[in-house]
Structures are given as structure tokens and as C-alpha cells.
């Protein structure tokens, strides 16, 4: 997968498409500086932005007040009134970055109509919008949607080639390009929606307890092992790291009975699996054993999930406005 270039300038109407993401290692702990590995996956959100006499989202006049991500994305916009249409294949509140993909697609279309921008500036803008809308969180989701492929945060030189540094106040996260082992993953939505902000706050409170430093150290260690194993293409080692990461997520209280049932269903045909994203519902991610991808999808569907076999996706890109489904 080639590195994406800058977002070029384009007159309205402008349209952009951005991918979902899946966190493989390090969710929650990344907020406190621990490493994280994410992959942008081939489920997408597309937006079209047109000049209009009234700012709306999906023909809804209260759009800016009803959608906090849309409202924050409009701050500082120099395009005048705009009509935005959005279509998505990403389940909402499923731990797969639906808000990050919407923000990335919207910000890219706005940037194109405003003369274009480079990826680093776009990633910082997307993080600022999502952080303002949620009040908490790291730049992992938005960076994955902007960059595409595999990306790491806070992983140092072992995390791949530097892409950019995202900042919020005195906090900073180094974002790097991680190698792609060429695998198919399976994500499966439990059907239980969750709130990222609520889960992040709950885990932050858990890590503030007496054994919080021990837990944070274990999250850091398993993420480092997982990042190294993915880079080496070592499927059994990745499976072991996924299992250990899931044990830690149980310990901080963000697993869910529905997720546990899906993990049990997946276990016979996968190298390893875990909750992905904020947890407390949402989705799981599993690395299928070679040749068992279809069987894994069937097992998860029979267990009541909505499964998706996924591959790495390029980052946000401009597309033909007429292509909106």
C-alpha cells in the first residue's frame, strides 16, 4: 500500500471517503502514554459537501447542534453555509471508529474546498475535532483514518517510520507507520452499543487506583510484544498477545458478556481474539487461522454477531461526489 499524499484543493462540491479502524493492542492505556497499534480497515464513511443557503447534515437543519462532531468540524470554517450528506458502512458505537471516519472524511472535504492541506495538518485537525466533541481520548482513531494501513502511537523506533506528532495541550503522541503483514482479520459487532467517553473515564478511574501503575506497565508490555509480533509476521505470537491484552481488558472492567460469548465462539478457529475499542459492548477482533476465515465468520454469525472480514485500507481520500451511494 503506497503512502497517501496531501489533500489537494478542489472546488465545491467536494467528497471524501475515510476508513474505520480496529485497535489491535493498547486501547485505553494509550491515553496515558502507552504504545498502541491500530489498523485502518475497509469499512468506510463517505461525505459530500456542497455550497448551500443553510448549513445542514443529511437534510437535518439542526445538524450542527444535534451532532457534536459536525458542530466542532464547522469551527473556523471559511466556506460559508454548506450542505453535507454522509453515508457509512461502519456500525455506530461499535468500537470501530465511526466518529473518527466521519470526522476525517468531513475534514478532508472541507480542507479540499479551502485549498488543500498535508496529512499531518489534517490529522491534527481531526484529532482536535474529535477530542473537543468527546472531551477525552487519544489521536489513534483519527490518525488511522487519515493515514490508512497499520499505525502505531508511542512505540518509538520499533513502531515504524515517523508520520507526525499529534498534540493536545501539553500532551503529545508520536504516530508512526507500522509494517503490514498481509493478513485478513475478522471484526464482529456484538450489537451492544457503547460510549467511548464513558468507558475511557471508567478505565482512567481504575488506573488511578493503587495497582494502576502495575496494570499500565502490563498494557505497555503486551502492546510492545504485539507490535513486534505483527511486524515479524508471527501469527502465534500475535495470538498470544491478543489473549493477554483481553485478560487486561477484563481486569479493568471493559469486557462484556456478549463479547465473551463471541470470543468463546471464535476460539477454535482463530490464533487469538480480544475486545477492540473502548469495550463495554462494541466489537471484538480475531486473527483467523490460515484457511479458517470463512468458518470464523460463520461461527460468529451463528453466535449472534455482525461479522466483517476486513483488510487494511488506504487513508482518507477525495472521491467523485457522484459516487455517494
Protein backbone atom coordinates (compact mmCIF):
# COMPACT_ATOMS: atom_id res chain seq x y z
CA UNK A 1 0.00 0.00 0.00
CA UNK A 2 1.59 3.29 -1.13
CA UNK A 3 1.78 6.26 1.23
CA UNK A 4 -1.09 8.70 0.71
CA UNK A 5 -0.23 12.20 -0.46
CA UNK A 6 -1.53 15.59 0.59
CA UNK A 7 -5.19 16.52 0.21
CA UNK A 8 -5.34 18.69 -2.93
CA UNK A 9 -7.52 21.75 -3.35
CA UNK A 10 -10.88 21.16 -5.02
CA UNK A 11 -13.89 23.41 -5.65
CA UNK A 12 -17.23 22.51 -4.13
CA UNK A 13 -18.88 20.08 -4.34
CA UNK A 14 -16.14 18.06 -2.64
CA UNK A 15 -16.39 14.47 -1.47
CA UNK A 16 -14.09 12.32 0.67
CA UNK A 17 -14.08 8.75 1.93
CA UNK A 18 -12.39 7.59 5.17
CA UNK A 19 -11.89 4.13 6.70
CA UNK A 20 -12.90 2.62 10.00
CA UNK A 21 -10.19 1.45 12.38
CA UNK A 22 -9.51 -1.51 14.60
CA UNK A 23 -7.30 -1.29 17.70
CA UNK A 24 -5.15 -4.40 17.94
CA UNK A 25 -3.19 -3.50 21.09
CA UNK A 26 -3.09 -0.71 23.65
CA UNK A 27 -6.57 0.82 23.85
CA UNK A 28 -7.19 2.88 27.00
CA UNK A 29 -3.54 2.74 28.12
CA UNK A 30 -2.56 4.89 25.13
CA UNK A 31 -4.29 7.85 26.80
CA UNK A 32 -1.56 7.59 29.48
CA UNK A 33 1.32 7.34 27.02
CA UNK A 34 1.46 3.56 26.48
CA UNK A 35 2.00 2.13 22.95
CA UNK A 36 -0.91 1.37 20.65
CA UNK A 37 -1.26 -0.47 17.33
CA UNK A 38 -4.21 0.19 15.04
CA UNK A 39 -5.15 -0.78 11.51
CA UNK A 40 -7.46 1.15 9.19
CA UNK A 41 -9.97 -1.34 7.77
CA UNK A 42 -12.03 -1.45 4.59
CA UNK A 43 -15.35 -0.25 6.02
CA UNK A 44 -15.86 3.37 5.04
CA UNK A 45 -17.76 6.60 5.58
CA UNK A 46 -18.21 8.99 2.65
CA UNK A 47 -19.35 12.60 2.74
CA UNK A 48 -20.27 15.13 0.08
CA UNK A 49 -20.07 18.86 0.84
CA UNK A 50 -21.99 21.34 -1.31
CA UNK A 51 -22.46 25.09 -1.09
CA UNK A 52 -25.90 25.87 0.32
CA UNK A 53 -28.08 28.59 1.69
CA UNK A 54 -28.25 26.79 5.03
CA UNK A 55 -25.84 24.52 6.93
CA UNK A 56 -27.32 21.06 7.27
CA UNK A 57 -26.22 17.47 7.83
CA UNK A 58 -28.21 14.82 5.97
CA UNK A 59 -31.00 17.32 5.28
CA UNK A 60 -31.47 17.97 9.01
CA UNK A 61 -31.47 21.73 9.78
CA UNK A 62 -30.49 21.19 13.47
CA UNK A 63 -27.45 19.20 12.27
CA UNK A 64 -24.77 21.41 13.87
CA UNK A 65 -26.45 21.36 17.27
CA UNK A 66 -27.52 17.70 17.15
CA UNK A 67 -24.15 16.22 16.10
CA UNK A 68 -21.16 17.33 18.23
CA UNK A 69 -18.59 16.14 15.66
CA UNK A 70 -20.25 18.14 12.91
CA UNK A 71 -20.51 21.16 15.19
CA UNK A 72 -16.81 21.06 16.11
CA UNK A 73 -15.76 20.49 12.48
CA UNK A 74 -17.55 23.70 11.50
CA UNK A 75 -15.49 25.83 13.92
CA UNK A 76 -13.30 28.22 11.94
CA UNK A 77 -14.70 27.04 8.60
CA UNK A 78 -14.34 29.69 5.88
CA UNK A 79 -16.64 28.16 3.28
CA UNK A 80 -19.92 29.80 4.26
CA UNK A 81 -23.09 27.73 4.55
CA UNK A 82 -22.73 24.09 3.49
CA UNK A 83 -25.00 21.11 2.91
CA UNK A 84 -23.35 17.82 3.96
CA UNK A 85 -24.51 14.33 3.08
CA UNK A 86 -22.96 11.32 4.79
CA UNK A 87 -23.26 7.58 4.13
CA UNK A 88 -21.47 4.93 6.21
CA UNK A 89 -20.91 1.15 6.32
CA UNK A 90 -19.41 1.40 9.81
CA UNK A 91 -21.67 0.36 12.70
CA UNK A 92 -22.10 3.24 15.14
CA UNK A 93 -20.92 2.98 18.75
CA UNK A 94 -19.27 -0.34 17.84
CA UNK A 95 -15.65 0.40 18.72
CA UNK A 96 -14.64 0.68 15.06
CA UNK A 97 -14.09 4.41 14.80
CA UNK A 98 -17.30 5.55 13.11
CA UNK A 99 -16.89 9.05 14.53
CA UNK A 100 -13.21 9.24 13.50
CA UNK A 101 -14.05 8.17 9.94
CA UNK A 102 -16.84 10.76 9.73
CA UNK A 103 -14.55 13.48 11.09
CA UNK A 104 -11.70 12.52 8.74
CA UNK A 105 -13.91 12.45 5.66
CA UNK A 106 -15.59 15.73 6.60
CA UNK A 107 -12.31 17.49 7.46
CA UNK A 108 -10.70 16.30 4.23
CA UNK A 109 -13.60 17.57 2.12
CA UNK A 110 -13.55 20.90 3.98
CA UNK A 111 -9.76 21.14 3.56
CA UNK A 112 -10.01 20.42 -0.16
CA UNK A 113 -12.58 23.17 -0.61
CA UNK A 114 -10.30 25.53 1.36
CA UNK A 115 -7.28 24.94 -0.88
CA UNK A 116 -5.93 21.61 0.40
CA UNK A 117 -3.54 20.59 3.21
CA UNK A 118 -0.92 18.00 4.09
CA UNK A 119 -1.69 14.81 6.03
CA UNK A 120 -0.04 15.91 9.26
CA UNK A 121 -2.13 19.08 9.43
CA UNK A 122 -5.27 17.12 8.58
CA UNK A 123 -4.54 14.53 11.30
CA UNK A 124 -4.07 17.26 13.90
CA UNK A 125 -7.30 18.94 12.82
CA UNK A 126 -9.24 15.67 13.02
CA UNK A 127 -7.89 14.90 16.48
CA UNK A 128 -8.80 18.38 17.70
CA UNK A 129 -12.37 17.97 16.41
CA UNK A 130 -12.89 14.52 17.94
CA UNK A 131 -11.24 15.45 21.25
CA UNK A 132 -13.41 18.56 21.53
CA UNK A 133 -16.56 16.55 20.77
CA UNK A 134 -15.75 13.70 23.20
CA UNK A 135 -13.79 15.55 25.86
CA UNK A 136 -11.34 12.62 26.24
CA UNK A 137 -9.26 10.29 24.11
CA UNK A 138 -6.10 9.91 22.04
CA UNK A 139 -5.35 10.64 18.36
CA UNK A 140 -5.15 6.96 17.42
CA UNK A 141 -8.54 6.62 15.74
CA UNK A 142 -8.30 9.78 13.68
CA UNK A 143 -4.65 9.14 12.77
CA UNK A 144 -5.55 5.67 11.46
CA UNK A 145 -8.39 7.10 9.37
CA UNK A 146 -6.12 9.79 7.93
CA UNK A 147 -3.02 7.62 7.34
CA UNK A 148 -4.59 4.26 6.47
CA UNK A 149 -2.87 0.91 6.92
CA UNK A 150 -1.14 0.00 10.18
CA UNK A 151 -0.12 2.81 12.54
CA UNK A 152 1.44 2.91 15.99
CA UNK A 153 1.39 5.50 18.75
CA UNK A 154 4.06 5.95 21.41
CA UNK A 155 6.03 2.93 20.14
CA UNK A 156 9.38 4.62 19.48
CA UNK A 157 11.64 3.50 16.66
CA UNK A 158 10.26 -0.06 16.89
CA UNK A 159 6.87 1.31 15.81
CA UNK A 160 7.94 2.06 12.24
CA UNK A 161 8.64 5.16 10.21
CA UNK A 162 7.56 8.52 11.73
CA UNK A 163 4.44 10.10 10.25
CA UNK A 164 3.58 13.02 12.59
CA UNK A 165 3.18 14.08 16.19
CA UNK A 166 -0.33 14.86 17.43
CA UNK A 167 -0.77 17.27 20.32
CA UNK A 168 -3.37 18.37 22.82
CA UNK A 169 -2.19 20.98 25.29
CA UNK A 170 0.95 19.63 26.95
CA UNK A 171 0.24 16.05 25.78
CA UNK A 172 1.78 14.60 22.61
CA UNK A 173 1.65 11.28 20.76
CA UNK A 174 4.14 10.16 18.10
CA UNK A 175 2.39 8.46 15.19
CA UNK A 176 4.35 6.02 13.02
CA UNK A 177 3.78 3.78 10.01
CA UNK A 178 3.93 0.10 11.02
CA UNK A 179 4.59 -2.73 8.54
CA UNK A 180 1.69 -4.67 7.01
CA UNK A 181 1.94 -8.46 7.44
CA UNK A 182 -0.69 -9.03 4.72
CA UNK A 183 -3.30 -10.69 6.92
CA UNK A 184 -7.09 -10.81 6.85
CA UNK A 185 -8.72 -10.01 10.20
CA UNK A 186 -12.32 -10.52 11.30
CA UNK A 187 -14.16 -7.94 13.38
CA UNK A 188 -17.55 -8.71 14.85
CA UNK A 189 -20.05 -6.29 16.36
CA UNK A 190 -21.76 -7.58 19.50
CA UNK A 191 -24.88 -5.49 18.89
CA UNK A 192 -24.30 -3.74 22.22
CA UNK A 193 -23.59 -0.02 21.65
CA UNK A 194 -21.21 1.76 24.00
CA UNK A 195 -19.94 5.25 24.83
CA UNK A 196 -16.22 5.81 24.23
CA UNK A 197 -16.12 8.75 26.62
CA UNK A 198 -17.82 6.85 29.45
CA UNK A 199 -15.55 3.81 29.03
CA UNK A 200 -12.38 5.94 28.88
CA UNK A 201 -13.35 7.76 32.06
CA UNK A 202 -14.13 4.47 33.84
CA UNK A 203 -10.76 2.97 32.89
CA UNK A 204 -8.95 6.17 33.88
CA UNK A 205 -10.54 5.89 37.32
CA UNK A 206 -9.48 2.22 37.51
CA UNK A 207 -5.88 3.03 36.56
CA UNK A 208 -5.80 5.73 39.24
CA UNK A 209 -6.16 3.06 41.95
CA UNK A 210 -3.22 1.63 43.89
CA UNK A 211 -2.38 -1.07 41.34
CA UNK A 212 -2.83 1.25 38.36
CA UNK A 213 0.88 1.53 37.64
CA UNK A 214 1.19 -2.25 37.55
CA UNK A 215 -1.71 -2.52 35.08
CA UNK A 216 -0.34 0.26 32.91
CA UNK A 217 3.03 -1.49 32.81
CA UNK A 218 1.37 -4.72 31.70
CA UNK A 219 -0.62 -2.95 28.98
CA UNK A 220 2.64 -1.39 27.78
CA UNK A 221 4.48 -4.72 27.74
CA UNK A 222 1.77 -6.60 25.85
CA UNK A 223 1.44 -3.81 23.29
CA UNK A 224 5.19 -3.83 22.65
CA UNK A 225 5.15 -7.62 22.21
CA UNK A 226 2.13 -7.40 19.91
CA UNK A 227 3.64 -4.65 17.76
CA UNK A 228 6.87 -6.63 17.38
CA UNK A 229 4.98 -9.84 16.55
CA UNK A 230 2.86 -8.16 13.87
CA UNK A 231 5.98 -6.59 12.34
CA UNK A 232 7.63 -10.04 12.27
CA UNK A 233 4.54 -11.73 10.80
CA UNK A 234 4.48 -14.14 13.76
CA UNK A 235 0.84 -15.23 13.93
CA UNK A 236 1.10 -17.47 17.06
CA UNK A 237 2.87 -14.71 19.00
CA UNK A 238 0.22 -12.21 17.90
CA UNK A 239 -2.48 -14.61 19.07
CA UNK A 240 -0.87 -14.91 22.49
CA UNK A 241 -0.57 -11.13 22.80
CA UNK A 242 -4.23 -10.70 21.83
CA UNK A 243 -5.24 -13.13 24.57
CA UNK A 244 -3.14 -11.38 27.20
CA UNK A 245 -4.50 -7.98 26.14
CA UNK A 246 -8.02 -9.33 26.59
CA UNK A 247 -7.17 -10.52 30.10
CA UNK A 248 -6.12 -6.97 30.97
CA UNK A 249 -9.30 -5.52 29.46
CA UNK A 250 -11.31 -7.88 31.68
CA UNK A 251 -9.31 -6.72 34.68
CA UNK A 252 -10.09 -3.04 34.04
CA UNK A 253 -13.77 -3.87 33.54
CA UNK A 254 -14.44 -3.17 29.87
CA UNK A 255 -15.31 -6.65 28.60
CA UNK A 256 -18.96 -7.67 28.31
CA UNK A 257 -20.87 -11.00 28.46
CA UNK A 258 -21.79 -10.71 24.77
CA UNK A 259 -18.17 -10.09 23.84
CA UNK A 260 -17.08 -13.06 25.95
CA UNK A 261 -19.58 -15.30 24.14
CA UNK A 262 -18.15 -14.22 20.80
CA UNK A 263 -14.59 -14.82 21.99
CA UNK A 264 -15.60 -18.33 23.01
CA UNK A 265 -17.22 -18.93 19.61
CA UNK A 266 -14.11 -17.72 17.78
CA UNK A 267 -11.52 -19.59 19.85
CA UNK A 268 -11.46 -22.94 17.95
CA UNK A 269 -10.60 -21.32 14.59
CA UNK A 270 -8.50 -18.27 15.46
CA UNK A 271 -4.99 -17.55 16.67
CA UNK A 272 -6.34 -15.11 19.25
CA UNK A 273 -9.07 -12.53 19.80
CA UNK A 274 -9.98 -9.62 22.05
CA UNK A 275 -12.38 -6.75 22.54
CA UNK A 276 -11.40 -3.83 20.31
CA UNK A 277 -12.03 -0.18 21.04
CA UNK A 278 -13.47 1.21 24.25
CA UNK A 279 -15.27 -2.02 25.21
CA UNK A 280 -18.35 -2.38 27.44
CA UNK A 281 -20.04 -3.79 24.33
CA UNK A 282 -18.86 -2.78 20.89
CA UNK A 283 -16.83 -5.27 18.87
CA UNK A 284 -14.18 -7.95 19.01
CA UNK A 285 -11.28 -8.55 16.62
CA UNK A 286 -9.94 -12.01 15.80
CA UNK A 287 -6.96 -13.25 13.78
CA UNK A 288 -8.22 -16.35 11.95
CA UNK A 289 -6.07 -19.40 11.50
CA UNK A 290 -4.95 -19.67 7.85
CA UNK A 291 -7.77 -21.06 5.72
CA UNK A 292 -10.35 -20.74 8.52
CA UNK A 293 -11.55 -17.20 7.71
CA UNK A 294 -14.96 -18.23 6.35
CA UNK A 295 -15.54 -20.66 9.20
CA UNK A 296 -14.72 -17.94 11.73
CA UNK A 297 -17.24 -15.60 10.11
CA UNK A 298 -19.91 -18.34 10.21
CA UNK A 299 -19.24 -19.15 13.86
CA UNK A 300 -19.50 -15.50 14.87
CA UNK A 301 -22.72 -15.02 12.88
CA UNK A 302 -24.26 -18.10 14.49
CA UNK A 303 -23.30 -16.65 17.88
CA UNK A 304 -25.39 -13.57 17.08
CA UNK A 305 -22.70 -11.12 15.96
CA UNK A 306 -22.44 -8.99 12.84
CA UNK A 307 -19.06 -10.14 11.48
CA UNK A 308 -16.88 -8.46 8.86
CA UNK A 309 -13.76 -9.99 7.27
CA UNK A 310 -11.52 -6.95 6.80
CA UNK A 311 -8.23 -5.94 5.22
CA UNK A 312 -6.09 -2.81 5.66
CA UNK A 313 -7.49 0.23 3.86
CA UNK A 314 -5.83 3.32 2.44
CA UNK A 315 -6.38 6.50 4.41
CA UNK A 316 -8.90 9.25 3.74
CA UNK A 317 -9.07 10.24 0.09
CA UNK A 318 -11.04 12.53 -2.17
CA UNK A 319 -13.54 10.79 -4.43
CA UNK A 320 -16.08 11.74 -7.10
CA UNK A 321 -19.09 13.43 -5.45
CA UNK A 322 -21.34 11.49 -7.80
CA UNK A 323 -20.14 8.22 -6.22
CA UNK A 324 -22.09 8.77 -2.99
CA UNK A 325 -24.31 5.67 -2.68
